[in-house]
Amino acid sequence: MFLVDTGADYTILPMSAATAAGMTPSGPSVRLRAARGATFTLPTHPAVPLLIEGYTNTLPVAFSTGPAFITILGRLEIVETFDIGLDISHWHWG
């Protein structure tokens, strides 16, 4: 189960998922900033097959060992998997 975050640049999975799949993150580490301003540096893997709503796509993923971590599905994965675009021209800023 994922939290869908259209503002997230990466999908973030627990490191335990990489370990369970026999995967060692081999991509560059990325520095991410959370909504409340905290920053994190996470390891990545460039090609992780993900099954999302019946569609499989191979995408880059970041991994976290943080205790308060929430599994996040980022916007790039949503766009790539469902071949959609995001239009901000009609958004309402409160």
PDB file of N, CA and C in Angstrom:
ATOM      1  N   MET A   1       0.843  -1.166   0.000  1.00  0.00           N
ATOM      2  CA  MET A   1       0.000   0.000   0.000  1.00  0.00           C
ATOM      3  C   MET A   1       0.896   1.240   0.000  1.00  0.00           C
ATOM      4  N   PHE A   2       0.551   2.224  -0.827  1.00  0.00           N
ATOM      5  CA  PHE A   2       1.329   3.455  -0.980  1.00  0.00           C
ATOM      6  C   PHE A   2       0.492   4.665  -0.619  1.00  0.00           C
ATOM      7  N   LEU A   3       1.147   5.704  -0.155  1.00  0.00           N
ATOM      8  CA  LEU A   3       0.569   7.036  -0.104  1.00  0.00           C
ATOM      9  C   LEU A   3       0.908   7.656  -1.456  1.00  0.00           C
ATOM     10  N   VAL A   4      -0.087   8.072  -2.228  1.00  0.00           N
ATOM     11  CA  VAL A   4       0.163   8.700  -3.519  1.00  0.00           C
ATOM     12  C   VAL A   4       0.483  10.163  -3.259  1.00  0.00           C
ATOM     13  N   ASP A   5       1.675  10.588  -3.684  1.00  0.00           N
ATOM     14  CA  ASP A   5       2.133  11.954  -3.440  1.00  0.00           C
ATOM     15  C   ASP A   5       2.523  12.588  -4.763  1.00  0.00           C
ATOM     16  N   THR A   6       1.636  13.429  -5.310  1.00  0.00           N
ATOM     17  CA  THR A   6       1.904  14.053  -6.613  1.00  0.00           C
ATOM     18  C   THR A   6       3.002  15.096  -6.534  1.00  0.00           C
ATOM     19  N   GLY A   7       3.480  15.431  -5.345  1.00  0.00           N
ATOM     20  CA  GLY A   7       4.588  16.357  -5.188  1.00  0.00           C
ATOM     21  C   GLY A   7       5.915  15.660  -4.976  1.00  0.00           C
ATOM     22  N   ALA A   8       5.902  14.341  -4.854  1.00  0.00           N
ATOM     23  CA  ALA A   8       7.128  13.583  -4.589  1.00  0.00           C
ATOM     24  C   ALA A   8       7.860  13.263  -5.886  1.00  0.00           C
ATOM     25  N   ASP A   9       9.162  13.496  -5.892  1.00  0.00           N
ATOM     26  CA  ASP A   9       9.974  13.192  -7.065  1.00  0.00           C
ATOM     27  C   ASP A   9      10.295  11.710  -7.187  1.00  0.00           C
ATOM     28  N   TYR A  10      10.258  10.980  -6.084  1.00  0.00           N
ATOM     29  CA  TYR A  10      10.621   9.558  -6.083  1.00  0.00           C
ATOM     30  C   TYR A  10       9.563   8.718  -5.398  1.00  0.00           C
ATOM     31  N   THR A  11       9.468   7.470  -5.816  1.00  0.00           N
ATOM     32  CA  THR A  11       8.776   6.471  -5.032  1.00  0.00           C
ATOM     33  C   THR A  11       9.762   6.033  -3.970  1.00  0.00           C
ATOM     34  N   ILE A  12       9.283   5.912  -2.730  1.00  0.00           N
ATOM     35  CA  ILE A  12      10.163   5.539  -1.626  1.00  0.00           C
ATOM     36  C   ILE A  12       9.599   4.287  -0.964  1.00  0.00           C
ATOM     37  N   LEU A  13      10.414   3.248  -0.928  1.00  0.00           N
ATOM     38  CA  LEU A  13      10.053   1.975  -0.317  1.00  0.00           C
ATOM     39  C   LEU A  13      10.929   1.731   0.902  1.00  0.00           C
ATOM     40  N   PRO A  14      10.486   0.850   1.808  1.00  0.00           N
ATOM     41  CA  PRO A  14      11.349   0.509   2.937  1.00  0.00           C
ATOM     42  C   PRO A  14      12.535  -0.324   2.460  1.00  0.00           C
ATOM     43  N   MET A  15      13.673  -0.136   3.096  1.00  0.00           N
ATOM     44  CA  MET A  15      14.860  -0.921   2.753  1.00  0.00           C
ATOM     45  C   MET A  15      14.585  -2.415   2.919  1.00  0.00           C
ATOM     46  N   SER A  16      13.685  -2.758   3.824  1.00  0.00           N
ATOM     47  CA  SER A  16      13.344  -4.170   4.026  1.00  0.00           C
ATOM     48  C   SER A  16      12.755  -4.788   2.752  1.00  0.00           C
ATOM     49  N   ALA A  17      12.086  -3.987   1.919  1.00  0.00           N
ATOM     50  CA  ALA A  17      11.551  -4.491   0.647  1.00  0.00           C
ATOM     51  C   ALA A  17      12.686  -4.840  -0.307  1.00  0.00           C
ATOM     52  N   ALA A  18      13.725  -4.002  -0.340  1.00  0.00           N
ATOM     53  CA  ALA A  18      14.888  -4.301  -1.181  1.00  0.00           C
ATOM     54  C   ALA A  18      15.571  -5.566  -0.694  1.00  0.00           C
ATOM     55  N   THR A  19      15.737  -5.678   0.610  1.00  0.00           N
ATOM     56  CA  THR A  19      16.380  -6.858   1.183  1.00  0.00           C
ATOM     57  C   THR A  19      15.571  -8.116   0.883  1.00  0.00           C
ATOM     58  N   ALA A  20      14.253  -8.047   1.052  1.00  0.00           N
ATOM     59  CA  ALA A  20      13.389  -9.205   0.794  1.00  0.00           C
ATOM     60  C   ALA A  20      13.439  -9.636  -0.665  1.00  0.00           C
ATOM     61  N   ALA A  21      13.653  -8.678  -1.574  1.00  0.00           N
ATOM     62  CA  ALA A  21      13.722  -8.985  -3.007  1.00  0.00           C
ATOM     63  C   ALA A  21      15.140  -9.365  -3.439  1.00  0.00           C
ATOM     64  N   GLY A  22      16.098  -9.385  -2.491  1.00  0.00           N
ATOM     65  CA  GLY A  22      17.482  -9.714  -2.831  1.00  0.00           C
ATOM     66  C   GLY A  22      18.169  -8.610  -3.607  1.00  0.00           C
ATOM     67  N   MET A  23      17.720  -7.378  -3.435  1.00  0.00           N
ATOM     68  CA  MET A  23      18.230  -6.242  -4.196  1.00  0.00           C
ATOM     69  C   MET A  23      19.111  -5.367  -3.309  1.00  0.00           C
ATOM     70  N   THR A  24      20.243  -4.946  -3.863  1.00  0.00           N
ATOM     71  CA  THR A  24      21.101  -3.968  -3.197  1.00  0.00           C
ATOM     72  C   THR A  24      21.016  -2.680  -4.001  1.00  0.00           C
ATOM     73  N   PRO A  25      20.559  -1.575  -3.379  1.00  0.00           N
ATOM     74  CA  PRO A  25      20.481  -0.320  -4.128  1.00  0.00           C
ATOM     75  C   PRO A  25      21.828   0.024  -4.765  1.00  0.00           C
ATOM     76  N   SER A  26      21.809   0.262  -6.062  1.00  0.00           N
ATOM     77  CA  SER A  26      23.056   0.507  -6.794  1.00  0.00           C
ATOM     78  C   SER A  26      23.067   1.857  -7.504  1.00  0.00           C
ATOM     79  N   GLY A  27      22.025   2.664  -7.299  1.00  0.00           N
ATOM     80  CA  GLY A  27      21.976   3.979  -7.922  1.00  0.00           C
ATOM     81  C   GLY A  27      22.604   5.027  -7.021  1.00  0.00           C
ATOM     82  N   PRO A  28      22.634   6.260  -7.479  1.00  0.00           N
ATOM     83  CA  PRO A  28      23.187   7.337  -6.650  1.00  0.00           C
ATOM     84  C   PRO A  28      22.253   7.639  -5.477  1.00  0.00           C
ATOM     85  N   SER A  29      22.812   8.129  -4.395  1.00  0.00           N
ATOM     86  CA  SER A  29      21.981   8.588  -3.290  1.00  0.00           C
ATOM     87  C   SER A  29      21.335   9.907  -3.688  1.00  0.00           C
ATOM     88  N   VAL A  30      20.114  10.143  -3.201  1.00  0.00           N
ATOM     89  CA  VAL A  30      19.413  11.387  -3.495  1.00  0.00           C
ATOM     90  C   VAL A  30      19.074  12.088  -2.192  1.00  0.00           C
ATOM     91  N   ARG A  31      19.112  13.408  -2.235  1.00  0.00           N
ATOM     92  CA  ARG A  31      18.749  14.212  -1.070  1.00  0.00           C
ATOM     93  C   ARG A  31      17.326  14.712  -1.298  1.00  0.00           C
ATOM     94  N   LEU A  32      16.443  14.398  -0.363  1.00  0.00           N
ATOM     95  CA  LEU A  32      15.040  14.768  -0.474  1.00  0.00           C
ATOM     96  C   LEU A  32      14.640  15.635   0.709  1.00  0.00           C
ATOM     97  N   ARG A  33      13.669  16.510   0.482  1.00  0.00           N
ATOM     98  CA  ARG A  33      13.156  17.345   1.566  1.00  0.00           C
ATOM     99  C   ARG A  33      11.685  17.025   1.775  1.00  0.00           C
ATOM    100  N   ALA A  34      11.313  16.752   3.010  1.00  0.00           N
ATOM    101  CA  ALA A  34       9.925  16.454   3.358  1.00  0.00           C
ATOM    102  C   ALA A  34       9.111  17.745   3.425  1.00  0.00           C
ATOM    103  N   ALA A  35       7.810  17.600   3.453  1.00  0.00           N
ATOM    104  CA  ALA A  35       6.914  18.755   3.469  1.00  0.00           C
ATOM    105  C   ALA A  35       7.176  19.680   4.658  1.00  0.00           C
ATOM    106  N   ARG A  36       7.595  19.136   5.768  1.00  0.00           N
ATOM    107  CA  ARG A  36       7.859  19.958   6.955  1.00  0.00           C
ATOM    108  C   ARG A  36       9.292  20.476   7.010  1.00  0.00           C
ATOM    109  N   GLY A  37      10.069  20.248   5.957  1.00  0.00           N
ATOM    110  CA  GLY A  37      11.397  20.825   5.857  1.00  0.00           C
ATOM    111  C   GLY A  37      12.563  19.914   6.206  1.00  0.00           C
ATOM    112  N   ALA A  38      12.315  18.766   6.825  1.00  0.00           N
ATOM    113  CA  ALA A  38      13.406  17.842   7.146  1.00  0.00           C
ATOM    114  C   ALA A  38      14.021  17.317   5.856  1.00  0.00           C
ATOM    115  N   THR A  39      15.333  17.103   5.849  1.00  0.00           N
ATOM    116  CA  THR A  39      16.001  16.555   4.668  1.00  0.00           C
ATOM    117  C   THR A  39      16.523  15.157   4.966  1.00  0.00           C
ATOM    118  N   PHE A  40      16.546  14.337   3.925  1.00  0.00           N
ATOM    119  CA  PHE A  40      16.984  12.959   4.028  1.00  0.00           C
ATOM    120  C   PHE A  40      17.849  12.634   2.821  1.00  0.00           C
ATOM    121  N   THR A  41      18.872  11.833   3.008  1.00  0.00           N
ATOM    122  CA  THR A  41      19.652  11.303   1.898  1.00  0.00           C
ATOM    123  C   THR A  41      19.384   9.811   1.845  1.00  0.00           C
ATOM    124  N   LEU A  42      18.846   9.359   0.707  1.00  0.00           N
ATOM    125  CA  LEU A  42      18.427   7.970   0.573  1.00  0.00           C
ATOM    126  C   LEU A  42      19.129   7.297  -0.601  1.00  0.00           C
ATOM    127  N   PRO A  43      19.455   6.007  -0.453  1.00  0.00           N
ATOM    128  CA  PRO A  43      20.013   5.262  -1.581  1.00  0.00           C
ATOM    129  C   PRO A  43      18.907   4.951  -2.587  1.00  0.00           C
ATOM    130  N   THR A  44      19.298   4.780  -3.843  1.00  0.00           N
ATOM    131  CA  THR A  44      18.321   4.467  -4.892  1.00  0.00           C
ATOM    132  C   THR A  44      18.748   3.228  -5.675  1.00  0.00           C
ATOM    133  N   HIS A  45      17.800   2.712  -6.414  1.00  0.00           N
ATOM    134  CA  HIS A  45      18.074   1.656  -7.390  1.00  0.00           C
ATOM    135  C   HIS A  45      17.415   2.112  -8.688  1.00  0.00           C
ATOM    136  N   PRO A  46      18.130   2.034  -9.820  1.00  0.00           N
ATOM    137  CA  PRO A  46      17.625   2.638 -11.059  1.00  0.00           C
ATOM    138  C   PRO A  46      16.493   1.885 -11.751  1.00  0.00           C
ATOM    139  N   ALA A  47      16.297   0.611 -11.446  1.00  0.00           N
ATOM    140  CA  ALA A  47      15.298  -0.151 -12.197  1.00  0.00           C
ATOM    141  C   ALA A  47      14.614  -1.176 -11.292  1.00  0.00           C
ATOM    142  N   VAL A  48      13.482  -0.769 -10.716  1.00  0.00           N
ATOM    143  CA  VAL A  48      12.712  -1.648  -9.839  1.00  0.00           C
ATOM    144  C   VAL A  48      11.360  -1.899 -10.496  1.00  0.00           C
ATOM    145  N   PRO A  49      11.016  -3.166 -10.767  1.00  0.00           N
ATOM    146  CA  PRO A  49       9.704  -3.435 -11.353  1.00  0.00           C
ATOM    147  C   PRO A  49       8.612  -3.258 -10.296  1.00  0.00           C
ATOM    148  N   LEU A  50       7.644  -2.398 -10.589  1.00  0.00           N
ATOM    149  CA  LEU A  50       6.526  -2.150  -9.678  1.00  0.00           C
ATOM    150  C   LEU A  50       5.217  -2.507 -10.372  1.00  0.00           C
ATOM    151  N   LEU A  51       4.339  -3.167  -9.650  1.00  0.00           N
ATOM    152  CA  LEU A  51       2.992  -3.473 -10.139  1.00  0.00           C
ATOM    153  C   LEU A  51       2.051  -2.480  -9.481  1.00  0.00           C
ATOM    154  N   ILE A  52       1.463  -1.599 -10.292  1.00  0.00           N
ATOM    155  CA  ILE A  52       0.591  -0.543  -9.783  1.00  0.00           C
ATOM    156  C   ILE A  52      -0.763  -0.669 -10.468  1.00  0.00           C
ATOM    157  N   GLU A  53      -1.792  -1.014  -9.692  1.00  0.00           N
ATOM    158  CA  GLU A  53      -3.152  -1.145 -10.220  1.00  0.00           C
ATOM    159  C   GLU A  53      -3.199  -2.025 -11.477  1.00  0.00           C
ATOM    160  N   GLY A  54      -2.459  -3.120 -11.473  1.00  0.00           N
ATOM    161  CA  GLY A  54      -2.472  -4.053 -12.594  1.00  0.00           C
ATOM    162  C   GLY A  54      -1.495  -3.742 -13.710  1.00  0.00           C
ATOM    163  N   TYR A  55      -0.788  -2.623 -13.622  1.00  0.00           N
ATOM    164  CA  TYR A  55       0.194  -2.232 -14.635  1.00  0.00           C
ATOM    165  C   TYR A  55       1.594  -2.384 -14.057  1.00  0.00           C
ATOM    166  N   THR A  56       2.489  -3.006 -14.815  1.00  0.00           N
ATOM    167  CA  THR A  56       3.870  -3.164 -14.373  1.00  0.00           C
ATOM    168  C   THR A  56       4.739  -2.153 -15.106  1.00  0.00           C
ATOM    169  N   ASN A  57       5.589  -1.487 -14.354  1.00  0.00           N
ATOM    170  CA  ASN A  57       6.528  -0.540 -14.928  1.00  0.00           C
ATOM    171  C   ASN A  57       7.831  -0.649 -14.155  1.00  0.00           C
ATOM    172  N   THR A  58       8.951  -0.516 -14.818  1.00  0.00           N
ATOM    173  CA  THR A  58      10.261  -0.574 -14.176  1.00  0.00           C
ATOM    174  C   THR A  58      10.778   0.848 -14.033  1.00  0.00           C
ATOM    175  N   LEU A  59      10.981   1.264 -12.776  1.00  0.00           N
ATOM    176  CA  LEU A  59      11.248   2.663 -12.474  1.00  0.00           C
ATOM    177  C   LEU A  59      12.320   2.807 -11.405  1.00  0.00           C
ATOM    178  N   PRO A  60      12.946   3.983 -11.296  1.00  0.00           N
ATOM    179  CA  PRO A  60      13.894   4.223 -10.205  1.00  0.00           C
ATOM    180  C   PRO A  60      13.139   4.382  -8.887  1.00  0.00           C
ATOM    181  N   VAL A  61      13.735   3.872  -7.809  1.00  0.00           N
ATOM    182  CA  VAL A  61      13.108   3.908  -6.484  1.00  0.00           C
ATOM    183  C   VAL A  61      14.156   4.277  -5.446  1.00  0.00           C
ATOM    184  N   ALA A  62      13.748   5.049  -4.435  1.00  0.00           N
ATOM    185  CA  ALA A  62      14.604   5.348  -3.281  1.00  0.00           C
ATOM    186  C   ALA A  62      14.172   4.434  -2.134  1.00  0.00           C
ATOM    187  N   PHE A  63      15.095   4.174  -1.206  1.00  0.00           N
ATOM    188  CA  PHE A  63      14.811   3.281  -0.082  1.00  0.00           C
ATOM    189  C   PHE A  63      15.115   3.964   1.237  1.00  0.00           C
ATOM    190  N   SER A  64      14.255   3.719   2.234  1.00  0.00           N
ATOM    191  CA  SER A  64      14.419   4.343   3.537  1.00  0.00           C
ATOM    192  C   SER A  64      14.436   3.309   4.653  1.00  0.00           C
ATOM    193  N   THR A  65      15.215   3.591   5.684  1.00  0.00           N
ATOM    194  CA  THR A  65      15.220   2.771   6.896  1.00  0.00           C
ATOM    195  C   THR A  65      14.632   3.551   8.059  1.00  0.00           C
ATOM    196  N   GLY A  66      14.073   4.730   7.783  1.00  0.00           N
ATOM    197  CA  GLY A  66      13.545   5.599   8.834  1.00  0.00           C
ATOM    198  C   GLY A  66      12.416   4.954   9.614  1.00  0.00           C
ATOM    199  N   PRO A  67      12.369   5.168  10.936  1.00  0.00           N
ATOM    200  CA  PRO A  67      11.340   4.557  11.776  1.00  0.00           C
ATOM    201  C   PRO A  67       9.935   5.118  11.536  1.00  0.00           C
ATOM    202  N   ALA A  68       9.817   6.362  11.128  1.00  0.00           N
ATOM    203  CA  ALA A  68       8.503   6.974  10.896  1.00  0.00           C
ATOM    204  C   ALA A  68       8.183   7.033   9.410  1.00  0.00           C
ATOM    205  N   PHE A  69       8.782   6.148   8.651  1.00  0.00           N
ATOM    206  CA  PHE A  69       8.694   6.148   7.198  1.00  0.00           C
ATOM    207  C   PHE A  69       7.313   5.710   6.703  1.00  0.00           C
ATOM    208  N   ILE A  70       6.820   6.387   5.658  1.00  0.00           N
ATOM    209  CA  ILE A  70       5.577   6.016   4.978  1.00  0.00           C
ATOM    210  C   ILE A  70       5.940   5.678   3.536  1.00  0.00           C
ATOM    211  N   THR A  71       5.451   4.552   3.028  1.00  0.00           N
ATOM    212  CA  THR A  71       5.705   4.165   1.642  1.00  0.00           C
ATOM    213  C   THR A  71       5.013   5.169   0.723  1.00  0.00           C
ATOM    214  N   ILE A  72       5.778   5.750  -0.215  1.00  0.00           N
ATOM    215  CA  ILE A  72       5.269   6.823  -1.070  1.00  0.00           C
ATOM    216  C   ILE A  72       5.372   6.431  -2.544  1.00  0.00           C
ATOM    217  N   LEU A  73       4.304   6.662  -3.280  1.00  0.00           N
ATOM    218  CA  LEU A  73       4.301   6.521  -4.736  1.00  0.00           C
ATOM    219  C   LEU A  73       4.396   7.924  -5.312  1.00  0.00           C
ATOM    220  N   GLY A  74       5.504   8.238  -5.978  1.00  0.00           N
ATOM    221  CA  GLY A  74       5.752   9.578  -6.502  1.00  0.00           C
ATOM    222  C   GLY A  74       5.065   9.860  -7.819  1.00  0.00           C
ATOM    223  N   ARG A  75       5.039  11.155  -8.182  1.00  0.00           N
ATOM    224  CA  ARG A  75       4.316  11.582  -9.380  1.00  0.00           C
ATOM    225  C   ARG A  75       4.915  11.041 -10.671  1.00  0.00           C
ATOM    226  N   LEU A  76       6.236  10.904 -10.737  1.00  0.00           N
ATOM    227  CA  LEU A  76       6.854  10.422 -11.972  1.00  0.00           C
ATOM    228  C   LEU A  76       6.403   8.999 -12.282  1.00  0.00           C
ATOM    229  N   GLU A  77       6.230   8.189 -11.242  1.00  0.00           N
ATOM    230  CA  GLU A  77       5.771   6.817 -11.434  1.00  0.00           C
ATOM    231  C   GLU A  77       4.314   6.790 -11.882  1.00  0.00           C
ATOM    232  N   ILE A  78       3.512   7.695 -11.341  1.00  0.00           N
ATOM    233  CA  ILE A  78       2.111   7.768 -11.745  1.00  0.00           C
ATOM    234  C   ILE A  78       2.015   8.148 -13.217  1.00  0.00           C
ATOM    235  N   VAL A  79       2.753   9.174 -13.612  1.00  0.00           N
ATOM    236  CA  VAL A  79       2.740   9.644 -15.002  1.00  0.00           C
ATOM    237  C   VAL A  79       3.246   8.551 -15.942  1.00  0.00           C
ATOM    238  N   GLU A  80       4.364   7.908 -15.595  1.00  0.00           N
ATOM    239  CA  GLU A  80       4.945   6.860 -16.438  1.00  0.00           C
ATOM    240  C   GLU A  80       4.023   5.649 -16.565  1.00  0.00           C
ATOM    241  N   THR A  81       3.427   5.221 -15.460  1.00  0.00           N
ATOM    242  CA  THR A  81       2.609   4.013 -15.462  1.00  0.00           C
ATOM    243  C   THR A  81       1.305   4.194 -16.216  1.00  0.00           C
ATOM    244  N   PHE A  82       0.658   5.316 -16.006  1.00  0.00           N
ATOM    245  CA  PHE A  82      -0.666   5.519 -16.597  1.00  0.00           C
ATOM    246  C   PHE A  82      -0.651   6.424 -17.820  1.00  0.00           C
ATOM    247  N   ASP A  83       0.541   6.894 -18.230  1.00  0.00           N
ATOM    248  CA  ASP A  83       0.691   7.736 -19.413  1.00  0.00           C
ATOM    249  C   ASP A  83      -0.262   8.927 -19.364  1.00  0.00           C
ATOM    250  N   ILE A  84      -0.169   9.670 -18.247  1.00  0.00           N
ATOM    251  CA  ILE A  84      -1.005  10.850 -18.075  1.00  0.00           C
ATOM    252  C   ILE A  84      -0.131  12.074 -17.897  1.00  0.00           C
ATOM    253  N   GLY A  85      -0.729  13.217 -17.953  1.00  0.00           N
ATOM    254  CA  GLY A  85      -0.040  14.468 -17.661  1.00  0.00           C
ATOM    255  C   GLY A  85      -0.743  15.171 -16.520  1.00  0.00           C
ATOM    256  N   LEU A  86      -0.036  16.038 -15.838  1.00  0.00           N
ATOM    257  CA  LEU A  86      -0.631  16.813 -14.759  1.00  0.00           C
ATOM    258  C   LEU A  86      -0.727  18.258 -15.224  1.00  0.00           C
ATOM    259  N   ASP A  87      -1.915  18.825 -15.122  1.00  0.00           N
ATOM    260  CA  ASP A  87      -2.165  20.190 -15.574  1.00  0.00           C
ATOM    261  C   ASP A  87      -2.391  21.073 -14.358  1.00  0.00           C
ATOM    262  N   ILE A  88      -1.484  22.013 -14.100  1.00  0.00           N
ATOM    263  CA  ILE A  88      -1.626  22.872 -12.934  1.00  0.00           C
ATOM    264  C   ILE A  88      -2.335  24.178 -13.262  1.00  0.00           C
ATOM    265  N   SER A  89      -2.780  24.357 -14.483  1.00  0.00           N
ATOM    266  CA  SER A  89      -3.375  25.640 -14.864  1.00  0.00           C
ATOM    267  C   SER A  89      -4.721  25.887 -14.195  1.00  0.00           C
ATOM    268  N   HIS A  90      -5.388  24.859 -13.722  1.00  0.00           N
ATOM    269  CA  HIS A  90      -6.707  25.026 -13.097  1.00  0.00           C
ATOM    270  C   HIS A  90      -6.690  24.708 -11.604  1.00  0.00           C
ATOM    271  N   TRP A  91      -5.517  24.649 -11.007  1.00  0.00           N
ATOM    272  CA  TRP A  91      -5.426  24.366  -9.577  1.00  0.00           C
ATOM    273  C   TRP A  91      -5.827  25.600  -8.798  1.00  0.00           C
ATOM    274  N   HIS A  92      -6.388  25.401  -7.638  1.00  0.00           N
ATOM    275  CA  HIS A  92      -6.768  26.502  -6.757  1.00  0.00           C
ATOM    276  C   HIS A  92      -5.822  26.507  -5.567  1.00  0.00           C
ATOM    277  N   TRP A  93      -5.154  27.601  -5.382  1.00  0.00           N
ATOM    278  CA  TRP A  93      -4.214  27.727  -4.272  1.00  0.00           C
ATOM    279  C   TRP A  93      -4.946  28.441  -3.140  1.00  0.00           C
ATOM    280  N   GLY A  94      -5.028  27.779  -1.983  1.00  0.00           N
ATOM    281  CA  GLY A  94      -5.820  28.321  -0.871  1.00  0.00           C
ATOM    282  C   GLY A  94      -5.129  29.269   0.010  1.00  0.00           C
TER     283      GLY A  94
END
